[in-house]
Amino acid sequence: MAELRELELWQVDAFAQRTFEGNPAAVVLLEAWLDDATMQQIAAENALSETAFCLRSATGYELRWFTPNVEVPLCGHATLATAKVLFDLDPALDHVSFASKAGPLEVRRGTGGLIVLDFPARPGQRLEAPPGLARALGYADGDIQDVEWNGEKLLVEVRDRATVLAARPDFAVLARLEVVVAGQRLPAQGVVVTARDDTSGNASGKEPGSAANGDGYDFVSRYFAPRVAVPEDPVTGSAHCMLVPYWSERLGKNEVRAFQCSARGGEVHGRLVGDRVHLAGHAALYLRGRIRC
């Protein structure tokens, strides 16, 4: 029988100022890459939307992300969680470079405890709503205002924040959802539902950040990805790579404040910088331990 390895694992609540909010991610720091099957098994055992595996390299760090059933090319909240771990381990560190399948990713300490991700913008193109999309989200056809597709995710704009909150997805249908582009049928990895924030405060009744003072948010969203075993993701950095360009254009400004109004909820500060987006959020350490595999 092969000898079991022990690996350190952290669990971090990303895009949250306190535990039990935001999006929990597991972080495993490695001295050498594990085989893909083992990393997938660890992610499945963690049963979180994402587990990040991070390996130090000569020029910085390499980073990969796994849901419970598949590796994904980009994940925002698990990147933020990984940076939180590295910054906590080395208080003098103020910047981290990650090599990833999505290209180079830069992360730095921001002001007020924020961690700032420099990610590729992934804007979409307008698309006719796929047949059955409204019903799959629990909506009437008239609830949908606009649909965009960026080759991976569908963005669905609805009338208002109340409509975002009212979504009751049929996850079995969404897991099979496809779009037709230039005669090709393509699988939708996820669907983000969004609306301009039409009220002060935030979507969950919690009071993170300055929304407690009535500033409100520029937009709110929810994200559903049952195809990759994430029925509803609490806070989704990669979705904001699409949301920030979308709302920056419509609102006529490059800096936006967003709230993802899942049950846990989380705040994202976004800035559009050319073909990049800067996504900033807080992170709270929940646990540190060791796993055997």
C-alpha atoms as a PDB file:
ATOM      1  CA  MET A   1       0.000   0.000   0.000  1.00  0.00           C
ATOM      2  CA  ALA A   2       1.417   3.400  -0.985  1.00  0.00           C
ATOM      3  CA  GLU A   3       2.378   5.731   1.839  1.00  0.00           C
ATOM      4  CA  LEU A   4      -0.109   8.540   2.388  1.00  0.00           C
ATOM      5  CA  ARG A   5       1.009  12.126   1.841  1.00  0.00           C
ATOM      6  CA  GLU A   6       0.093  14.956   4.184  1.00  0.00           C
ATOM      7  CA  LEU A   7      -0.748  18.296   2.642  1.00  0.00           C
ATOM      8  CA  GLU A   8      -1.663  21.590   4.257  1.00  0.00           C
ATOM      9  CA  LEU A   9      -5.113  22.913   3.436  1.00  0.00           C
ATOM     10  CA  TRP A  10      -6.750  26.255   4.147  1.00  0.00           C
ATOM     11  CA  GLN A  11     -10.407  27.182   3.769  1.00  0.00           C
ATOM     12  CA  VAL A  12     -11.060  30.843   3.103  1.00  0.00           C
ATOM     13  CA  ASP A  13     -14.306  32.773   2.704  1.00  0.00           C
ATOM     14  CA  ALA A  14     -13.595  35.009  -0.295  1.00  0.00           C
ATOM     15  CA  PHE A  15     -15.305  38.323  -1.050  1.00  0.00           C
ATOM     16  CA  ALA A  16     -16.268  38.490   2.626  1.00  0.00           C
ATOM     17  CA  GLN A  17     -15.126  40.545   5.607  1.00  0.00           C
ATOM     18  CA  ARG A  18     -16.136  37.819   8.064  1.00  0.00           C
ATOM     19  CA  THR A  19     -16.559  34.066   8.063  1.00  0.00           C
ATOM     20  CA  PHE A  20     -19.843  32.451   6.966  1.00  0.00           C
ATOM     21  CA  GLU A  21     -20.258  35.007   4.177  1.00  0.00           C
ATOM     22  CA  GLY A  22     -18.838  35.245   0.677  1.00  0.00           C
ATOM     23  CA  ASN A  23     -17.660  32.191  -1.231  1.00  0.00           C
ATOM     24  CA  PRO A  24     -15.684  29.455   0.563  1.00  0.00           C
ATOM     25  CA  ALA A  25     -12.701  28.009  -1.298  1.00  0.00           C
ATOM     26  CA  ALA A  26     -10.103  25.442  -0.322  1.00  0.00           C
ATOM     27  CA  VAL A  27      -6.426  26.177  -0.954  1.00  0.00           C
ATOM     28  CA  VAL A  28      -3.752  23.474  -1.134  1.00  0.00           C
ATOM     29  CA  LEU A  29      -0.093  24.557  -1.352  1.00  0.00           C
ATOM     30  CA  LEU A  30       2.088  22.009  -3.139  1.00  0.00           C
ATOM     31  CA  GLU A  31       5.803  21.285  -3.426  1.00  0.00           C
ATOM     32  CA  ALA A  32       5.194  19.302  -6.635  1.00  0.00           C
ATOM     33  CA  TRP A  33       2.146  18.790  -8.799  1.00  0.00           C
ATOM     34  CA  LEU A  34      -0.116  15.889  -7.938  1.00  0.00           C
ATOM     35  CA  ASP A  35      -1.637  13.873 -10.761  1.00  0.00           C
ATOM     36  CA  ASP A  36      -4.904  15.293 -12.082  1.00  0.00           C
ATOM     37  CA  ALA A  37      -7.004  12.418 -10.755  1.00  0.00           C
ATOM     38  CA  THR A  38      -5.779  12.993  -7.200  1.00  0.00           C
ATOM     39  CA  MET A  39      -6.449  16.730  -7.372  1.00  0.00           C
ATOM     40  CA  GLN A  40      -9.928  16.010  -8.678  1.00  0.00           C
ATOM     41  CA  GLN A  41     -10.543  13.567  -5.818  1.00  0.00           C
ATOM     42  CA  ILE A  42      -9.399  16.141  -3.254  1.00  0.00           C
ATOM     43  CA  ALA A  43     -11.746  18.733  -4.763  1.00  0.00           C
ATOM     44  CA  ALA A  44     -14.627  16.260  -4.678  1.00  0.00           C
ATOM     45  CA  GLU A  45     -13.848  15.393  -1.048  1.00  0.00           C
ATOM     46  CA  ASN A  46     -13.768  19.084  -0.094  1.00  0.00           C
ATOM     47  CA  ALA A  47     -17.237  19.478  -1.646  1.00  0.00           C
ATOM     48  CA  LEU A  48     -16.725  23.225  -2.186  1.00  0.00           C
ATOM     49  CA  SER A  49     -17.381  25.050  -5.446  1.00  0.00           C
ATOM     50  CA  GLU A  50     -13.610  25.360  -5.971  1.00  0.00           C
ATOM     51  CA  THR A  51     -10.347  23.976  -4.644  1.00  0.00           C
ATOM     52  CA  ALA A  52      -7.196  25.851  -5.695  1.00  0.00           C
ATOM     53  CA  PHE A  53      -3.861  24.052  -6.041  1.00  0.00           C
ATOM     54  CA  CYS A  54      -0.844  26.343  -5.907  1.00  0.00           C
ATOM     55  CA  LEU A  55       2.783  25.500  -6.675  1.00  0.00           C
ATOM     56  CA  ARG A  56       5.707  27.867  -6.215  1.00  0.00           C
ATOM     57  CA  SER A  57       7.831  28.306  -9.359  1.00  0.00           C
ATOM     58  CA  ALA A  58      11.009  30.144 -10.275  1.00  0.00           C
ATOM     59  CA  THR A  59       9.056  33.214 -11.426  1.00  0.00           C
ATOM     60  CA  GLY A  60       6.148  33.193  -8.963  1.00  0.00           C
ATOM     61  CA  TYR A  61       3.389  30.640  -8.568  1.00  0.00           C
ATOM     62  CA  GLU A  62       1.381  28.288 -10.738  1.00  0.00           C
ATOM     63  CA  LEU A  63      -2.323  27.959 -10.006  1.00  0.00           C
ATOM     64  CA  ARG A  64      -5.065  25.509 -11.003  1.00  0.00           C
ATOM     65  CA  TRP A  65      -8.711  25.264  -9.933  1.00  0.00           C
ATOM     66  CA  PHE A  66     -11.052  22.278  -9.601  1.00  0.00           C
ATOM     67  CA  THR A  67     -14.775  22.074  -8.914  1.00  0.00           C
ATOM     68  CA  PRO A  68     -16.006  18.792  -7.398  1.00  0.00           C
ATOM     69  CA  ASN A  69     -16.185  17.263 -10.884  1.00  0.00           C
ATOM     70  CA  VAL A  70     -14.056  19.234 -13.369  1.00  0.00           C
ATOM     71  CA  GLU A  71     -11.019  21.505 -13.734  1.00  0.00           C
ATOM     72  CA  VAL A  72     -11.948  25.047 -14.784  1.00  0.00           C
ATOM     73  CA  PRO A  73      -9.819  27.553 -16.728  1.00  0.00           C
ATOM     74  CA  LEU A  74     -10.398  30.531 -14.413  1.00  0.00           C
ATOM     75  CA  CYS A  75     -11.725  31.112 -10.900  1.00  0.00           C
ATOM     76  CA  GLY A  76     -11.774  34.448  -9.127  1.00  0.00           C
ATOM     77  CA  HIS A  77     -12.770  33.650  -5.568  1.00  0.00           C
ATOM     78  CA  ALA A  78     -10.296  30.762  -5.207  1.00  0.00           C
ATOM     79  CA  THR A  79      -7.530  33.010  -6.571  1.00  0.00           C
ATOM     80  CA  LEU A  80      -8.415  35.641  -3.985  1.00  0.00           C
ATOM     81  CA  ALA A  81      -8.412  32.907  -1.318  1.00  0.00           C
ATOM     82  CA  THR A  82      -4.978  31.688  -2.426  1.00  0.00           C
ATOM     83  CA  ALA A  83      -3.560  35.210  -2.293  1.00  0.00           C
ATOM     84  CA  LYS A  84      -5.041  35.648   1.193  1.00  0.00           C
ATOM     85  CA  VAL A  85      -3.158  32.526   2.354  1.00  0.00           C
ATOM     86  CA  LEU A  86       0.133  33.654   0.793  1.00  0.00           C
ATOM     87  CA  PHE A  87      -0.188  37.182   2.193  1.00  0.00           C
ATOM     88  CA  ASP A  88      -0.941  35.802   5.666  1.00  0.00           C
ATOM     89  CA  LEU A  89       2.079  33.481   5.512  1.00  0.00           C
ATOM     90  CA  ASP A  90       4.363  36.355   4.459  1.00  0.00           C
ATOM     91  CA  PRO A  91       3.219  39.743   5.826  1.00  0.00           C
ATOM     92  CA  ALA A  92       5.970  41.482   3.817  1.00  0.00           C
ATOM     93  CA  LEU A  93       4.554  40.161   0.551  1.00  0.00           C
ATOM     94  CA  ASP A  94       2.404  42.721  -1.272  1.00  0.00           C
ATOM     95  CA  HIS A  95       2.158  41.231  -4.766  1.00  0.00           C
ATOM     96  CA  VAL A  96       1.793  37.738  -6.234  1.00  0.00           C
ATOM     97  CA  SER A  97       2.083  36.553  -9.848  1.00  0.00           C
ATOM     98  CA  PHE A  98       0.218  33.390 -10.863  1.00  0.00           C
ATOM     99  CA  ALA A  99       0.725  31.435 -14.078  1.00  0.00           C
ATOM    100  CA  SER A 100      -2.558  29.788 -15.063  1.00  0.00           C
ATOM    101  CA  LYS A 101      -4.424  28.279 -17.993  1.00  0.00           C
ATOM    102  CA  ALA A 102      -6.133  31.671 -18.346  1.00  0.00           C
ATOM    103  CA  GLY A 103      -2.748  33.374 -18.723  1.00  0.00           C
ATOM    104  CA  PRO A 104      -0.772  35.412 -16.178  1.00  0.00           C
ATOM    105  CA  LEU A 105      -2.742  36.732 -13.212  1.00  0.00           C
ATOM    106  CA  GLU A 106      -1.483  39.465 -10.906  1.00  0.00           C
ATOM    107  CA  VAL A 107      -2.797  39.950  -7.374  1.00  0.00           C
ATOM    108  CA  ARG A 108      -1.829  42.714  -4.950  1.00  0.00           C
ATOM    109  CA  ARG A 109      -2.746  44.030  -1.551  1.00  0.00           C
ATOM    110  CA  GLY A 110      -5.132  46.942  -1.787  1.00  0.00           C
ATOM    111  CA  THR A 111      -6.180  49.547   0.735  1.00  0.00           C
ATOM    112  CA  GLY A 112      -8.396  48.808   3.706  1.00  0.00           C
ATOM    113  CA  GLY A 113      -7.641  45.101   3.671  1.00  0.00           C
ATOM    114  CA  LEU A 114      -8.850  44.589   0.101  1.00  0.00           C
ATOM    115  CA  ILE A 115      -7.121  42.105  -2.205  1.00  0.00           C
ATOM    116  CA  VAL A 116      -7.077  43.162  -5.878  1.00  0.00           C
ATOM    117  CA  LEU A 117      -7.170  40.637  -8.728  1.00  0.00           C
ATOM    118  CA  ASP A 118      -5.977  41.641 -12.216  1.00  0.00           C
ATOM    119  CA  PHE A 119      -7.988  39.366 -14.555  1.00  0.00           C
ATOM    120  CA  PRO A 120      -8.765  39.262 -18.273  1.00  0.00           C
ATOM    121  CA  ALA A 121     -11.997  40.990 -19.237  1.00  0.00           C
ATOM    122  CA  ARG A 122     -14.378  38.565 -20.916  1.00  0.00           C
ATOM    123  CA  PRO A 123     -17.122  40.670 -22.481  1.00  0.00           C
ATOM    124  CA  GLY A 124     -19.938  39.034 -24.382  1.00  0.00           C
ATOM    125  CA  GLN A 125     -21.843  39.567 -27.604  1.00  0.00           C
ATOM    126  CA  ARG A 126     -25.592  40.012 -27.791  1.00  0.00           C
ATOM    127  CA  LEU A 127     -27.497  36.805 -28.443  1.00  0.00           C
ATOM    128  CA  GLU A 128     -31.117  35.808 -28.862  1.00  0.00           C
ATOM    129  CA  ALA A 129     -32.317  34.074 -25.734  1.00  0.00           C
ATOM    130  CA  PRO A 130     -32.090  30.285 -26.202  1.00  0.00           C
ATOM    131  CA  PRO A 131     -35.533  28.623 -26.301  1.00  0.00           C
ATOM    132  CA  GLY A 132     -36.740  27.780 -22.828  1.00  0.00           C
ATOM    133  CA  LEU A 133     -34.182  30.009 -21.045  1.00  0.00           C
ATOM    134  CA  ALA A 134     -36.790  32.111 -19.219  1.00  0.00           C
ATOM    135  CA  ARG A 135     -38.691  29.054 -18.023  1.00  0.00           C
ATOM    136  CA  ALA A 136     -35.446  27.351 -16.937  1.00  0.00           C
ATOM    137  CA  LEU A 137     -34.752  30.358 -14.692  1.00  0.00           C
ATOM    138  CA  GLY A 138     -38.302  30.452 -13.327  1.00  0.00           C
ATOM    139  CA  TYR A 139     -39.186  33.597 -15.305  1.00  0.00           C
ATOM    140  CA  ALA A 140     -41.749  34.769 -17.798  1.00  0.00           C
ATOM    141  CA  ASP A 141     -40.380  35.731 -21.222  1.00  0.00           C
ATOM    142  CA  GLY A 142     -40.973  39.423 -20.521  1.00  0.00           C
ATOM    143  CA  ASP A 143     -38.690  39.369 -17.477  1.00  0.00           C
ATOM    144  CA  ILE A 144     -35.566  39.074 -19.665  1.00  0.00           C
ATOM    145  CA  GLN A 145     -34.223  42.381 -21.004  1.00  0.00           C
ATOM    146  CA  ASP A 146     -31.000  41.316 -22.697  1.00  0.00           C
ATOM    147  CA  VAL A 147     -28.804  38.236 -23.243  1.00  0.00           C
ATOM    148  CA  GLU A 148     -25.069  38.076 -23.998  1.00  0.00           C
ATOM    149  CA  TRP A 149     -22.703  35.160 -24.593  1.00  0.00           C
ATOM    150  CA  ASN A 150     -18.905  35.190 -24.135  1.00  0.00           C
ATOM    151  CA  GLY A 151     -18.156  31.688 -25.353  1.00  0.00           C
ATOM    152  CA  GLU A 152     -18.507  30.191 -21.894  1.00  0.00           C
ATOM    153  CA  LYS A 153     -21.202  31.963 -19.893  1.00  0.00           C
ATOM    154  CA  LEU A 154     -24.594  33.453 -20.615  1.00  0.00           C
ATOM    155  CA  LEU A 155     -25.364  36.851 -19.101  1.00  0.00           C
ATOM    156  CA  VAL A 156     -29.080  37.515 -18.628  1.00  0.00           C
ATOM    157  CA  GLU A 157     -30.195  41.032 -17.706  1.00  0.00           C
ATOM    158  CA  VAL A 158     -33.584  41.228 -16.011  1.00  0.00           C
ATOM    159  CA  ARG A 159     -35.791  44.129 -14.990  1.00  0.00           C
ATOM    160  CA  ASP A 160     -34.703  44.818 -11.434  1.00  0.00           C
ATOM    161  CA  ARG A 161     -33.132  43.435  -8.281  1.00  0.00           C
ATOM    162  CA  ALA A 162     -36.398  41.868  -7.162  1.00  0.00           C
ATOM    163  CA  THR A 163     -36.436  39.832 -10.384  1.00  0.00           C
ATOM    164  CA  VAL A 164     -32.863  38.670  -9.747  1.00  0.00           C
ATOM    165  CA  LEU A 165     -33.908  37.498  -6.303  1.00  0.00           C
ATOM    166  CA  ALA A 166     -37.016  35.817  -7.708  1.00  0.00           C
ATOM    167  CA  ALA A 167     -35.087  33.391  -9.946  1.00  0.00           C
ATOM    168  CA  ARG A 168     -36.041  29.762  -9.238  1.00  0.00           C
ATOM    169  CA  PRO A 169     -33.858  27.791 -11.632  1.00  0.00           C
ATOM    170  CA  ASP A 170     -34.543  24.305 -12.906  1.00  0.00           C
ATOM    171  CA  PHE A 171     -30.985  23.055 -12.448  1.00  0.00           C
ATOM    172  CA  ALA A 172     -31.515  19.917 -14.494  1.00  0.00           C
ATOM    173  CA  VAL A 173     -32.512  22.045 -17.498  1.00  0.00           C
ATOM    174  CA  LEU A 174     -29.711  24.581 -16.973  1.00  0.00           C
ATOM    175  CA  ALA A 175     -27.162  21.754 -16.801  1.00  0.00           C
ATOM    176  CA  ARG A 176     -28.118  20.820 -20.376  1.00  0.00           C
ATOM    177  CA  LEU A 177     -28.435  24.370 -21.697  1.00  0.00           C
ATOM    178  CA  GLU A 178     -26.830  25.047 -25.078  1.00  0.00           C
ATOM    179  CA  VAL A 179     -26.577  28.101 -27.304  1.00  0.00           C
ATOM    180  CA  VAL A 180     -26.424  28.178 -31.092  1.00  0.00           C
ATOM    181  CA  VAL A 181     -23.686  30.395 -32.549  1.00  0.00           C
ATOM    182  CA  ALA A 182     -22.910  30.370 -36.280  1.00  0.00           C
ATOM    183  CA  GLY A 183     -24.757  27.093 -36.621  1.00  0.00           C
ATOM    184  CA  GLN A 184     -22.844  25.416 -33.803  1.00  0.00           C
ATOM    185  CA  ARG A 185     -24.434  24.147 -30.595  1.00  0.00           C
ATOM    186  CA  LEU A 186     -22.242  25.114 -27.638  1.00  0.00           C
ATOM    187  CA  PRO A 187     -22.641  24.161 -23.959  1.00  0.00           C
ATOM    188  CA  ALA A 188     -23.213  26.992 -21.490  1.00  0.00           C
ATOM    189  CA  GLN A 189     -20.972  26.458 -18.478  1.00  0.00           C
ATOM    190  CA  GLY A 190     -23.033  28.859 -16.409  1.00  0.00           C
ATOM    191  CA  VAL A 191     -25.724  31.530 -16.420  1.00  0.00           C
ATOM    192  CA  VAL A 192     -25.381  34.855 -14.640  1.00  0.00           C
ATOM    193  CA  VAL A 193     -28.594  36.784 -13.933  1.00  0.00           C
ATOM    194  CA  THR A 194     -28.125  40.495 -13.298  1.00  0.00           C
ATOM    195  CA  ALA A 195     -29.901  43.824 -12.941  1.00  0.00           C
ATOM    196  CA  ARG A 196     -29.090  47.400 -12.093  1.00  0.00           C
ATOM    197  CA  ASP A 197     -29.409  47.918  -8.338  1.00  0.00           C
ATOM    198  CA  ASP A 198     -32.557  49.990  -8.034  1.00  0.00           C
ATOM    199  CA  THR A 199     -32.589  50.362  -4.240  1.00  0.00           C
ATOM    200  CA  SER A 200     -30.231  51.572  -1.543  1.00  0.00           C
ATOM    201  CA  GLY A 201     -28.590  49.043   0.748  1.00  0.00           C
ATOM    202  CA  ASN A 202     -27.887  45.571  -0.585  1.00  0.00           C
ATOM    203  CA  ALA A 203     -29.701  42.551  -1.882  1.00  0.00           C
ATOM    204  CA  SER A 204     -29.517  40.275   1.122  1.00  0.00           C
ATOM    205  CA  GLY A 205     -30.415  42.625   3.941  1.00  0.00           C
ATOM    206  CA  LYS A 206     -26.830  42.444   5.230  1.00  0.00           C
ATOM    207  CA  GLU A 207     -24.804  45.606   5.509  1.00  0.00           C
ATOM    208  CA  PRO A 208     -21.320  45.105   4.056  1.00  0.00           C
ATOM    209  CA  GLY A 209     -19.219  48.108   3.194  1.00  0.00           C
ATOM    210  CA  SER A 210     -20.685  51.541   2.677  1.00  0.00           C
ATOM    211  CA  ALA A 211     -24.016  50.224   1.416  1.00  0.00           C
ATOM    212  CA  ALA A 212     -25.154  50.532   5.017  1.00  0.00           C
ATOM    213  CA  ASN A 213     -24.985  54.288   4.477  1.00  0.00           C
ATOM    214  CA  GLY A 214     -27.460  54.086   1.603  1.00  0.00           C
ATOM    215  CA  ASP A 215     -24.918  54.236  -1.224  1.00  0.00           C
ATOM    216  CA  GLY A 216     -26.315  51.091  -2.829  1.00  0.00           C
ATOM    217  CA  TYR A 217     -24.592  49.092  -5.546  1.00  0.00           C
ATOM    218  CA  ASP A 218     -24.325  49.652  -9.254  1.00  0.00           C
ATOM    219  CA  PHE A 219     -25.637  46.185 -10.039  1.00  0.00           C
ATOM    220  CA  VAL A 220     -26.514  42.857  -8.441  1.00  0.00           C
ATOM    221  CA  SER A 221     -26.287  39.315  -9.755  1.00  0.00           C
ATOM    222  CA  ARG A 222     -26.675  35.591  -9.123  1.00  0.00           C
ATOM    223  CA  TYR A 223     -24.737  32.803 -10.847  1.00  0.00           C
ATOM    224  CA  PHE A 224     -25.841  29.266 -11.657  1.00  0.00           C
ATOM    225  CA  ALA A 225     -23.488  26.561 -12.959  1.00  0.00           C
ATOM    226  CA  PRO A 226     -25.068  23.120 -12.466  1.00  0.00           C
ATOM    227  CA  ARG A 227     -23.176  21.779 -15.505  1.00  0.00           C
ATOM    228  CA  VAL A 228     -19.990  21.871 -13.375  1.00  0.00           C
ATOM    229  CA  ALA A 229     -21.717  20.717 -10.161  1.00  0.00           C
ATOM    230  CA  VAL A 230     -22.193  24.239  -8.758  1.00  0.00           C
ATOM    231  CA  PRO A 231     -25.974  24.834  -8.690  1.00  0.00           C
ATOM    232  CA  GLU A 232     -25.622  28.383  -7.311  1.00  0.00           C
ATOM    233  CA  ASP A 233     -22.234  29.908  -6.640  1.00  0.00           C
ATOM    234  CA  PRO A 234     -22.153  32.345  -3.694  1.00  0.00           C
ATOM    235  CA  VAL A 235     -19.776  34.928  -5.265  1.00  0.00           C
ATOM    236  CA  THR A 236     -18.182  34.446  -8.678  1.00  0.00           C
ATOM    237  CA  GLY A 237     -15.055  36.327  -9.747  1.00  0.00           C
ATOM    238  CA  SER A 238     -15.004  34.897 -13.286  1.00  0.00           C
ATOM    239  CA  ALA A 239     -18.623  36.018 -13.856  1.00  0.00           C
ATOM    240  CA  HIS A 240     -17.567  39.565 -12.958  1.00  0.00           C
ATOM    241  CA  CYS A 241     -15.024  39.425 -15.779  1.00  0.00           C
ATOM    242  CA  MET A 242     -18.147  39.580 -17.949  1.00  0.00           C
ATOM    243  CA  LEU A 243     -20.344  41.683 -15.669  1.00  0.00           C
ATOM    244  CA  VAL A 244     -17.893  44.561 -15.176  1.00  0.00           C
ATOM    245  CA  PRO A 245     -17.467  45.332 -18.922  1.00  0.00           C
ATOM    246  CA  TYR A 246     -21.218  44.906 -19.439  1.00  0.00           C
ATOM    247  CA  TRP A 247     -22.246  47.360 -16.733  1.00  0.00           C
ATOM    248  CA  SER A 248     -19.334  49.751 -17.284  1.00  0.00           C
ATOM    249  CA  GLU A 249     -20.615  50.323 -20.812  1.00  0.00           C
ATOM    250  CA  ARG A 250     -24.231  50.759 -19.763  1.00  0.00           C
ATOM    251  CA  LEU A 251     -23.507  52.961 -16.769  1.00  0.00           C
ATOM    252  CA  GLY A 252     -20.808  55.006 -18.493  1.00  0.00           C
ATOM    253  CA  LYS A 253     -18.159  54.524 -15.829  1.00  0.00           C
ATOM    254  CA  ASN A 254     -15.131  52.292 -15.364  1.00  0.00           C
ATOM    255  CA  GLU A 255     -15.445  51.696 -11.608  1.00  0.00           C
ATOM    256  CA  VAL A 256     -18.436  49.809 -10.238  1.00  0.00           C
ATOM    257  CA  ARG A 257     -19.593  48.257  -6.975  1.00  0.00           C
ATOM    258  CA  ALA A 258     -21.464  44.999  -7.164  1.00  0.00           C
ATOM    259  CA  PHE A 259     -23.262  42.620  -4.857  1.00  0.00           C
ATOM    260  CA  GLN A 260     -23.837  38.956  -5.649  1.00  0.00           C
ATOM    261  CA  CYS A 261     -27.056  38.246  -3.806  1.00  0.00           C
ATOM    262  CA  SER A 262     -26.771  34.565  -3.011  1.00  0.00           C
ATOM    263  CA  ALA A 263     -27.779  33.275   0.409  1.00  0.00           C
ATOM    264  CA  ARG A 264     -24.257  34.004   1.719  1.00  0.00           C
ATOM    265  CA  GLY A 265     -23.772  37.191  -0.301  1.00  0.00           C
ATOM    266  CA  GLY A 266     -20.598  39.006  -1.259  1.00  0.00           C
ATOM    267  CA  GLU A 267     -19.349  42.391  -2.402  1.00  0.00           C
ATOM    268  CA  VAL A 268     -17.087  42.950  -5.416  1.00  0.00           C
ATOM    269  CA  HIS A 269     -15.366  46.202  -6.372  1.00  0.00           C
ATOM    270  CA  GLY A 270     -14.732  46.228 -10.135  1.00  0.00           C
ATOM    271  CA  ARG A 271     -12.668  48.424 -12.403  1.00  0.00           C
ATOM    272  CA  LEU A 272     -12.357  48.106 -16.183  1.00  0.00           C
ATOM    273  CA  VAL A 273      -8.800  48.786 -17.393  1.00  0.00           C
ATOM    274  CA  GLY A 274      -8.554  48.221 -21.147  1.00  0.00           C
ATOM    275  CA  ASP A 275      -8.897  44.510 -21.769  1.00  0.00           C
ATOM    276  CA  ARG A 276      -8.452  43.707 -18.064  1.00  0.00           C
ATOM    277  CA  VAL A 277     -10.695  43.918 -15.030  1.00  0.00           C
ATOM    278  CA  HIS A 278      -9.524  44.621 -11.499  1.00  0.00           C
ATOM    279  CA  LEU A 279     -11.714  42.783  -8.993  1.00  0.00           C
ATOM    280  CA  ALA A 280     -11.239  43.662  -5.332  1.00  0.00           C
ATOM    281  CA  GLY A 281     -12.651  42.017  -2.253  1.00  0.00           C
ATOM    282  CA  HIS A 282     -11.940  40.980   1.302  1.00  0.00           C
ATOM    283  CA  ALA A 283     -11.254  37.455   2.534  1.00  0.00           C
ATOM    284  CA  ALA A 284     -11.639  35.729   5.904  1.00  0.00           C
ATOM    285  CA  LEU A 285      -9.719  32.626   6.993  1.00  0.00           C
ATOM    286  CA  TYR A 286     -12.042  29.885   8.270  1.00  0.00           C
ATOM    287  CA  LEU A 287      -9.707  26.947   8.912  1.00  0.00           C
ATOM    288  CA  ARG A 288      -6.212  25.593   8.484  1.00  0.00           C
ATOM    289  CA  GLY A 289      -5.462  21.903   8.681  1.00  0.00           C
ATOM    290  CA  ARG A 290      -3.825  18.891   7.053  1.00  0.00           C
ATOM    291  CA  ILE A 291      -5.220  16.327   4.687  1.00  0.00           C
ATOM    292  CA  ARG A 292      -3.953  12.831   3.930  1.00  0.00           C
ATOM    293  CA  CYS A 293      -4.133  11.445   0.433  1.00  0.00           C
END
